[in-house]
Amino acid sequence: AVDFPNTKKNGLLGFAGNAKN
């Protein structure tokens, strides 16, 4: 996956959010 802004801010939680979007 790409390092989206949410991932940079929230780590794994952001990664999970990006996967949904």
PDB file of N, CA and C in Angstrom:
ATOM      1  N   ALA A   1       0.851  -1.198   0.000  1.00  0.00           N
ATOM      2  CA  ALA A   1       0.000   0.000   0.000  1.00  0.00           C
ATOM      3  C   ALA A   1       0.881   1.240   0.000  1.00  0.00           C
ATOM      4  N   VAL A   2       0.303   2.324  -0.427  1.00  0.00           N
ATOM      5  CA  VAL A   2       1.012   3.607  -0.446  1.00  0.00           C
ATOM      6  C   VAL A   2       0.919   4.240   0.936  1.00  0.00           C
ATOM      7  N   ASP A   3       1.917   5.052   1.298  1.00  0.00           N
ATOM      8  CA  ASP A   3       1.921   5.733   2.595  1.00  0.00           C
ATOM      9  C   ASP A   3       1.035   6.974   2.512  1.00  0.00           C
ATOM     10  N   PHE A   4      -0.253   6.793   2.759  1.00  0.00           N
ATOM     11  CA  PHE A   4      -1.207   7.892   2.709  1.00  0.00           C
ATOM     12  C   PHE A   4      -1.059   8.792   3.929  1.00  0.00           C
ATOM     13  N   PRO A   5      -1.547  10.048   3.865  1.00  0.00           N
ATOM     14  CA  PRO A   5      -1.471  10.975   5.001  1.00  0.00           C
ATOM     15  C   PRO A   5      -2.046  10.393   6.283  1.00  0.00           C
ATOM     16  N   ASN A   6      -3.138   9.627   6.184  1.00  0.00           N
ATOM     17  CA  ASN A   6      -3.735   9.027   7.381  1.00  0.00           C
ATOM     18  C   ASN A   6      -2.771   8.062   8.060  1.00  0.00           C
ATOM     19  N   THR A   7      -1.998   7.355   7.249  1.00  0.00           N
ATOM     20  CA  THR A   7      -1.046   6.404   7.814  1.00  0.00           C
ATOM     21  C   THR A   7       0.050   7.150   8.553  1.00  0.00           C
ATOM     22  N   LYS A   8       0.504   8.266   7.976  1.00  0.00           N
ATOM     23  CA  LYS A   8       1.554   9.055   8.602  1.00  0.00           C
ATOM     24  C   LYS A   8       1.091   9.617   9.936  1.00  0.00           C
ATOM     25  N   LYS A   9      -0.180   9.994  10.012  1.00  0.00           N
ATOM     26  CA  LYS A   9      -0.724  10.591  11.241  1.00  0.00           C
ATOM     27  C   LYS A   9      -1.033   9.542  12.299  1.00  0.00           C
ATOM     28  N   ASN A  10      -1.666   8.439  11.883  1.00  0.00           N
ATOM     29  CA  ASN A  10      -2.234   7.503  12.853  1.00  0.00           C
ATOM     30  C   ASN A  10      -1.610   6.107  12.834  1.00  0.00           C
ATOM     31  N   GLY A  11      -0.565   5.927  12.076  1.00  0.00           N
ATOM     32  CA  GLY A  11       0.074   4.611  12.042  1.00  0.00           C
ATOM     33  C   GLY A  11      -0.864   3.540  11.501  1.00  0.00           C
ATOM     34  N   LEU A  12      -0.986   2.425  12.204  1.00  0.00           N
ATOM     35  CA  LEU A  12      -1.797   1.304  11.720  1.00  0.00           C
ATOM     36  C   LEU A  12      -3.272   1.665  11.648  1.00  0.00           C
ATOM     37  N   LEU A  13      -3.740   2.522  12.550  1.00  0.00           N
ATOM     38  CA  LEU A  13      -5.146   2.929  12.501  1.00  0.00           C
ATOM     39  C   LEU A  13      -5.410   3.722  11.227  1.00  0.00           C
ATOM     40  N   GLY A  14      -4.487   4.571  10.868  1.00  0.00           N
ATOM     41  CA  GLY A  14      -4.618   5.320   9.624  1.00  0.00           C
ATOM     42  C   GLY A  14      -4.562   4.400   8.417  1.00  0.00           C
ATOM     43  N   PHE A  15      -3.704   3.383   8.510  1.00  0.00           N
ATOM     44  CA  PHE A  15      -3.586   2.414   7.423  1.00  0.00           C
ATOM     45  C   PHE A  15      -4.909   1.695   7.223  1.00  0.00           C
ATOM     46  N   ALA A  16      -5.562   1.313   8.315  1.00  0.00           N
ATOM     47  CA  ALA A  16      -6.858   0.631   8.234  1.00  0.00           C
ATOM     48  C   ALA A  16      -7.900   1.564   7.624  1.00  0.00           C
ATOM     49  N   GLY A  17      -7.852   2.829   8.000  1.00  0.00           N
ATOM     50  CA  GLY A  17      -8.779   3.812   7.439  1.00  0.00           C
ATOM     51  C   GLY A  17      -8.562   3.972   5.945  1.00  0.00           C
ATOM     52  N   ASN A  18      -7.292   3.977   5.518  1.00  0.00           N
ATOM     53  CA  ASN A  18      -6.989   4.102   4.098  1.00  0.00           C
ATOM     54  C   ASN A  18      -7.468   2.884   3.322  1.00  0.00           C
ATOM     55  N   ALA A  19      -7.392   1.720   3.931  1.00  0.00           N
ATOM     56  CA  ALA A  19      -7.826   0.501   3.255  1.00  0.00           C
ATOM     57  C   ALA A  19      -9.328   0.541   2.982  1.00  0.00           C
ATOM     58  N   LYS A  20     -10.076   1.166   3.882  1.00  0.00           N
ATOM     59  CA  LYS A  20     -11.530   1.290   3.692  1.00  0.00           C
ATOM     60  C   LYS A  20     -11.850   2.292   2.589  1.00  0.00           C
ATOM     61  N   ASN A  21     -11.004   3.319   2.431  1.00  0.00           N
ATOM     62  CA  ASN A  21     -11.259   4.373   1.442  1.00  0.00           C
ATOM     63  C   ASN A  21     -10.508   4.142   0.134  1.00  0.00           C
TER      64      ASN A  21
END
